[in-house]
Amino acid sequence: MLRLREIRKGRGLTLWQAAELVERVASTVSRHERGEGVNLVDLQMWCDAYGLTMAELLTGPHLLTAREKEVVYGLRRLNRSQMNAILTTMAAMAGGDRDGNGSDDEPDPDDKPPE
């Protein structure tokens, strides 16, 4: 799913500001936001303009935060025994006491999904 409109609005840009950013006319930006007449060169142009990867441009808000990526990459370096121990610990923590101190704090506010 192409997310151009969502990204533009999330950044507080008007259609005309986005057009200026990529040196196109507003009608072209509007067409691209509707998924019309967009090719790979155009997609790369939008990635460059918004500072995104192609995956970030094309996928929804399920992208990992920086902290979540760190966890995933760390897990990939574990052996099977270590992975099982981590999964057991995570299951216990998900039962309510996530940080092991007896409280059920909210998630870290710095762990917001990317725009």
N, C-alpha and C. Protein backbone atom coordinates (compact mmCIF):
# COMPACT_ATOMS: atom_id res chain seq x y z
N MET A 1 0.85 -1.18 0.00
CA MET A 1 0.00 0.00 0.00
C MET A 1 0.89 1.25 0.00
N LEU A 2 0.65 2.11 -0.92
CA LEU A 2 1.42 3.34 -1.02
C LEU A 2 0.91 4.33 0.03
N ARG A 3 1.82 4.90 0.81
CA ARG A 3 1.45 5.73 1.95
C ARG A 3 1.79 7.20 1.77
N LEU A 4 1.89 7.67 0.54
CA LEU A 4 2.35 9.04 0.31
C LEU A 4 1.49 10.08 1.00
N ARG A 5 0.18 9.99 0.87
CA ARG A 5 -0.71 10.99 1.47
C ARG A 5 -0.58 10.96 3.00
N GLU A 6 -0.59 9.76 3.56
CA GLU A 6 -0.47 9.60 5.01
C GLU A 6 0.84 10.22 5.52
N ILE A 7 1.92 9.97 4.82
CA ILE A 7 3.22 10.50 5.22
C ILE A 7 3.24 12.02 5.09
N ARG A 8 2.74 12.52 3.96
CA ARG A 8 2.73 13.98 3.75
C ARG A 8 1.93 14.68 4.84
N LYS A 9 0.73 14.18 5.10
CA LYS A 9 -0.11 14.82 6.12
C LYS A 9 0.50 14.68 7.51
N GLY A 10 1.14 13.54 7.77
CA GLY A 10 1.80 13.34 9.05
C GLY A 10 2.94 14.31 9.29
N ARG A 11 3.51 14.79 8.22
CA ARG A 11 4.60 15.76 8.32
C ARG A 11 4.10 17.20 8.23
N GLY A 12 2.79 17.35 8.13
CA GLY A 12 2.21 18.69 8.11
C GLY A 12 2.44 19.44 6.81
N LEU A 13 2.63 18.72 5.72
CA LEU A 13 2.87 19.36 4.43
C LEU A 13 1.59 19.47 3.63
N THR A 14 1.44 20.57 2.93
CA THR A 14 0.34 20.69 1.98
C THR A 14 0.73 19.97 0.70
N LEU A 15 -0.23 19.77 -0.16
CA LEU A 15 0.03 19.16 -1.46
C LEU A 15 1.06 19.99 -2.23
N TRP A 16 0.92 21.29 -2.16
CA TRP A 16 1.82 22.19 -2.89
C TRP A 16 3.23 22.17 -2.30
N GLN A 17 3.34 22.06 -0.99
CA GLN A 17 4.67 21.97 -0.38
C GLN A 17 5.37 20.67 -0.77
N ALA A 18 4.61 19.58 -0.81
CA ALA A 18 5.18 18.30 -1.24
C ALA A 18 5.62 18.38 -2.70
N ALA A 19 4.80 19.03 -3.52
CA ALA A 19 5.14 19.19 -4.94
C ALA A 19 6.44 19.98 -5.09
N GLU A 20 6.58 21.01 -4.31
CA GLU A 20 7.80 21.82 -4.35
C GLU A 20 9.01 20.99 -3.90
N LEU A 21 8.80 20.16 -2.90
CA LEU A 21 9.87 19.32 -2.36
C LEU A 21 10.46 18.39 -3.42
N VAL A 22 9.59 17.86 -4.28
CA VAL A 22 10.06 16.91 -5.31
C VAL A 22 10.12 17.52 -6.70
N GLU A 23 9.91 18.82 -6.76
CA GLU A 23 9.97 19.56 -8.02
C GLU A 23 9.02 18.99 -9.07
N ARG A 24 7.78 18.80 -8.65
CA ARG A 24 6.71 18.34 -9.53
C ARG A 24 5.51 19.26 -9.33
N VAL A 25 4.54 19.17 -10.21
CA VAL A 25 3.33 19.96 -10.03
C VAL A 25 2.40 19.23 -9.07
N ALA A 26 1.51 19.98 -8.43
CA ALA A 26 0.61 19.41 -7.42
C ALA A 26 -0.26 18.30 -7.98
N SER A 27 -0.68 18.42 -9.23
CA SER A 27 -1.53 17.37 -9.81
C SER A 27 -0.78 16.04 -9.92
N THR A 28 0.52 16.10 -10.17
CA THR A 28 1.32 14.87 -10.22
C THR A 28 1.41 14.25 -8.84
N VAL A 29 1.63 15.08 -7.84
CA VAL A 29 1.69 14.57 -6.46
C VAL A 29 0.36 13.93 -6.09
N SER A 30 -0.73 14.58 -6.45
CA SER A 30 -2.06 14.04 -6.16
C SER A 30 -2.25 12.68 -6.83
N ARG A 31 -1.84 12.56 -8.08
CA ARG A 31 -1.94 11.28 -8.79
C ARG A 31 -1.10 10.21 -8.10
N HIS A 32 0.11 10.57 -7.73
CA HIS A 32 0.98 9.61 -7.05
C HIS A 32 0.35 9.17 -5.73
N GLU A 33 -0.25 10.10 -5.02
CA GLU A 33 -0.88 9.75 -3.74
C GLU A 33 -2.06 8.80 -3.93
N ARG A 34 -2.68 8.83 -5.10
CA ARG A 34 -3.77 7.90 -5.41
C ARG A 34 -3.24 6.60 -6.01
N GLY A 35 -1.91 6.53 -6.18
CA GLY A 35 -1.30 5.33 -6.73
C GLY A 35 -1.36 5.26 -8.24
N GLU A 36 -1.62 6.38 -8.89
CA GLU A 36 -1.75 6.42 -10.34
C GLU A 36 -0.46 6.92 -10.98
N GLY A 37 0.01 6.20 -11.98
CA GLY A 37 1.17 6.65 -12.75
C GLY A 37 2.47 6.69 -11.97
N VAL A 38 2.60 5.85 -10.97
CA VAL A 38 3.82 5.83 -10.15
C VAL A 38 4.71 4.67 -10.61
N ASN A 39 5.97 4.97 -10.86
CA ASN A 39 6.91 3.91 -11.21
C ASN A 39 8.02 3.86 -10.16
N LEU A 40 8.97 2.97 -10.35
CA LEU A 40 10.04 2.81 -9.35
C LEU A 40 10.89 4.06 -9.20
N VAL A 41 11.11 4.77 -10.28
CA VAL A 41 11.89 6.01 -10.19
C VAL A 41 11.15 7.02 -9.32
N ASP A 42 9.83 7.11 -9.51
CA ASP A 42 9.02 8.01 -8.69
C ASP A 42 9.06 7.60 -7.22
N LEU A 43 8.95 6.31 -6.96
CA LEU A 43 8.98 5.83 -5.58
C LEU A 43 10.31 6.18 -4.91
N GLN A 44 11.40 6.01 -5.65
CA GLN A 44 12.71 6.36 -5.09
C GLN A 44 12.80 7.86 -4.83
N MET A 45 12.20 8.66 -5.72
CA MET A 45 12.17 10.11 -5.53
C MET A 45 11.47 10.45 -4.21
N TRP A 46 10.34 9.79 -3.94
CA TRP A 46 9.61 10.04 -2.70
C TRP A 46 10.41 9.57 -1.49
N CYS A 47 11.08 8.43 -1.62
CA CYS A 47 11.93 7.94 -0.52
C CYS A 47 13.00 8.97 -0.19
N ASP A 48 13.65 9.48 -1.22
CA ASP A 48 14.70 10.48 -1.01
C ASP A 48 14.14 11.76 -0.39
N ALA A 49 12.99 12.19 -0.88
CA ALA A 49 12.39 13.44 -0.39
C ALA A 49 11.98 13.33 1.08
N TYR A 50 11.44 12.18 1.46
CA TYR A 50 10.95 12.01 2.83
C TYR A 50 11.96 11.32 3.74
N GLY A 51 13.11 10.93 3.21
CA GLY A 51 14.12 10.27 4.02
C GLY A 51 13.69 8.90 4.50
N LEU A 52 13.05 8.13 3.61
CA LEU A 52 12.52 6.82 3.96
C LEU A 52 13.15 5.74 3.10
N THR A 53 13.07 4.51 3.58
CA THR A 53 13.42 3.37 2.74
C THR A 53 12.19 3.02 1.92
N MET A 54 12.37 2.20 0.91
CA MET A 54 11.24 1.76 0.09
C MET A 54 10.24 1.00 0.96
N ALA A 55 10.73 0.17 1.86
CA ALA A 55 9.84 -0.59 2.75
C ALA A 55 9.00 0.34 3.61
N GLU A 56 9.62 1.38 4.14
CA GLU A 56 8.88 2.33 4.98
C GLU A 56 7.82 3.07 4.17
N LEU A 57 8.12 3.35 2.92
CA LEU A 57 7.17 4.06 2.07
C LEU A 57 5.97 3.17 1.72
N LEU A 58 6.22 1.90 1.52
CA LEU A 58 5.18 1.01 1.01
C LEU A 58 4.41 0.24 2.07
N THR A 59 4.91 0.19 3.29
CA THR A 59 4.24 -0.61 4.31
C THR A 59 3.51 0.27 5.30
N GLY A 60 2.69 -0.37 6.09
CA GLY A 60 1.89 0.35 7.07
C GLY A 60 2.63 0.64 8.35
N PRO A 61 1.88 1.06 9.36
CA PRO A 61 2.47 1.50 10.62
C PRO A 61 3.02 0.37 11.49
N HIS A 62 3.07 -0.86 10.96
CA HIS A 62 3.58 -1.97 11.75
C HIS A 62 5.11 -2.02 11.76
N LEU A 63 5.74 -1.00 11.26
CA LEU A 63 7.21 -0.96 11.26
C LEU A 63 7.75 -0.96 12.69
N LEU A 64 8.90 -1.55 12.85
CA LEU A 64 9.51 -1.62 14.18
C LEU A 64 10.14 -0.30 14.58
N THR A 65 10.07 -0.01 15.86
CA THR A 65 10.80 1.13 16.40
C THR A 65 12.27 0.76 16.48
N ALA A 66 13.11 1.73 16.75
CA ALA A 66 14.55 1.46 16.87
C ALA A 66 14.82 0.44 17.97
N ARG A 67 14.13 0.56 19.07
CA ARG A 67 14.33 -0.37 20.19
C ARG A 67 13.86 -1.78 19.81
N GLU A 68 12.73 -1.88 19.09
CA GLU A 68 12.24 -3.19 18.67
C GLU A 68 13.22 -3.84 17.69
N LYS A 69 13.80 -3.05 16.79
CA LYS A 69 14.80 -3.58 15.86
C LYS A 69 16.00 -4.12 16.63
N GLU A 70 16.42 -3.40 17.66
CA GLU A 70 17.55 -3.83 18.48
C GLU A 70 17.25 -5.19 19.11
N VAL A 71 16.03 -5.36 19.60
CA VAL A 71 15.63 -6.63 20.21
C VAL A 71 15.66 -7.76 19.17
N VAL A 72 15.07 -7.51 18.02
CA VAL A 72 15.02 -8.53 16.97
C VAL A 72 16.43 -8.94 16.55
N TYR A 73 17.30 -7.97 16.29
CA TYR A 73 18.66 -8.29 15.86
C TYR A 73 19.42 -9.01 16.97
N GLY A 74 19.17 -8.65 18.21
CA GLY A 74 19.79 -9.35 19.33
C GLY A 74 19.32 -10.79 19.42
N LEU A 75 18.03 -11.01 19.22
CA LEU A 75 17.49 -12.37 19.28
C LEU A 75 18.07 -13.26 18.19
N ARG A 76 18.34 -12.70 17.05
CA ARG A 76 18.87 -13.49 15.93
C ARG A 76 20.27 -14.02 16.21
N ARG A 77 20.97 -13.44 17.17
CA ARG A 77 22.32 -13.88 17.50
C ARG A 77 22.34 -14.98 18.57
N LEU A 78 21.18 -15.33 19.12
CA LEU A 78 21.12 -16.32 20.19
C LEU A 78 21.05 -17.74 19.65
N ASN A 79 21.54 -18.69 20.47
CA ASN A 79 21.36 -20.09 20.10
C ASN A 79 19.98 -20.55 20.59
N ARG A 80 19.60 -21.77 20.28
CA ARG A 80 18.26 -22.27 20.60
C ARG A 80 17.97 -22.24 22.10
N SER A 81 18.92 -22.65 22.90
CA SER A 81 18.74 -22.67 24.35
C SER A 81 18.53 -21.26 24.90
N GLN A 82 19.34 -20.33 24.43
CA GLN A 82 19.20 -18.93 24.86
C GLN A 82 17.84 -18.37 24.43
N MET A 83 17.44 -18.70 23.21
CA MET A 83 16.16 -18.22 22.69
C MET A 83 15.00 -18.75 23.55
N ASN A 84 15.05 -20.03 23.92
CA ASN A 84 14.00 -20.59 24.76
C ASN A 84 13.95 -19.90 26.12
N ALA A 85 15.10 -19.60 26.69
CA ALA A 85 15.14 -18.90 27.98
C ALA A 85 14.53 -17.51 27.86
N ILE A 86 14.85 -16.82 26.79
CA ILE A 86 14.29 -15.48 26.56
C ILE A 86 12.78 -15.56 26.40
N LEU A 87 12.30 -16.52 25.61
CA LEU A 87 10.85 -16.65 25.39
C LEU A 87 10.11 -16.96 26.69
N THR A 88 10.71 -17.80 27.54
CA THR A 88 10.10 -18.10 28.83
C THR A 88 10.03 -16.85 29.70
N THR A 89 11.11 -16.08 29.71
CA THR A 89 11.14 -14.83 30.48
C THR A 89 10.11 -13.84 29.94
N MET A 90 10.03 -13.72 28.62
CA MET A 90 9.07 -12.80 28.02
C MET A 90 7.64 -13.19 28.37
N ALA A 91 7.35 -14.48 28.35
CA ALA A 91 6.01 -14.94 28.68
C ALA A 91 5.67 -14.58 30.12
N ALA A 92 6.62 -14.74 31.03
CA ALA A 92 6.40 -14.39 32.43
C ALA A 92 6.18 -12.89 32.58
N MET A 93 6.97 -12.11 31.86
CA MET A 93 6.85 -10.65 31.95
C MET A 93 5.53 -10.18 31.36
N ALA A 94 5.06 -10.81 30.32
CA ALA A 94 3.81 -10.41 29.68
C ALA A 94 2.61 -10.68 30.57
N GLY A 95 2.82 -11.47 31.63
CA GLY A 95 1.75 -11.74 32.57
C GLY A 95 1.39 -10.53 33.41
N GLY A 96 2.12 -9.44 33.31
CA GLY A 96 1.77 -8.24 34.04
C GLY A 96 2.95 -7.50 34.62
N ASP A 97 3.92 -8.21 35.14
CA ASP A 97 5.06 -7.56 35.79
C ASP A 97 6.22 -7.50 34.80
N ARG A 98 6.11 -6.60 33.83
CA ARG A 98 7.07 -6.56 32.72
C ARG A 98 8.49 -6.27 33.14
N ASP A 99 8.68 -5.42 34.14
CA ASP A 99 10.06 -5.06 34.50
C ASP A 99 10.56 -5.77 35.75
N GLY A 100 9.76 -6.67 36.30
CA GLY A 100 10.19 -7.47 37.43
C GLY A 100 10.25 -6.74 38.75
N ASN A 101 9.69 -5.52 38.83
CA ASN A 101 9.77 -4.78 40.09
C ASN A 101 8.42 -4.69 40.79
N GLY A 102 7.45 -5.50 40.34
CA GLY A 102 6.16 -5.51 41.02
C GLY A 102 5.17 -4.49 40.49
N SER A 103 5.56 -3.67 39.55
CA SER A 103 4.62 -2.70 38.99
C SER A 103 4.37 -3.03 37.53
N ASP A 104 3.27 -2.54 37.02
CA ASP A 104 2.93 -2.76 35.62
C ASP A 104 2.95 -1.43 34.90
N ASP A 105 4.15 -0.88 34.74
CA ASP A 105 4.32 0.43 34.11
C ASP A 105 3.88 0.40 32.66
N GLU A 106 3.60 1.58 32.15
CA GLU A 106 3.32 1.74 30.73
C GLU A 106 4.61 1.53 29.95
N PRO A 107 4.50 1.22 28.65
CA PRO A 107 5.72 1.09 27.84
C PRO A 107 6.50 2.39 27.82
N ASP A 108 7.77 2.29 27.53
CA ASP A 108 8.65 3.44 27.43
C ASP A 108 8.10 4.43 26.41
N PRO A 109 7.93 5.71 26.77
CA PRO A 109 7.37 6.69 25.84
C PRO A 109 8.25 6.93 24.62
N ASP A 110 9.52 6.57 24.69
CA ASP A 110 10.40 6.72 23.53
C ASP A 110 10.18 5.63 22.49
N ASP A 111 9.36 4.64 22.81
CA ASP A 111 9.10 3.52 21.91
C ASP A 111 7.86 3.76 21.06
N LYS A 112 7.78 4.91 20.42
CA LYS A 112 6.65 5.21 19.56
C LYS A 112 6.94 4.68 18.16
N PRO A 113 5.92 4.15 17.48
CA PRO A 113 6.14 3.69 16.11
C PRO A 113 6.57 4.84 15.22
N PRO A 114 7.39 4.56 14.22
CA PRO A 114 7.81 5.62 13.30
C PRO A 114 6.66 6.12 12.46
N GLU A 115 6.82 7.33 11.95
CA GLU A 115 5.77 7.89 11.09
C GLU A 115 5.92 7.40 9.69
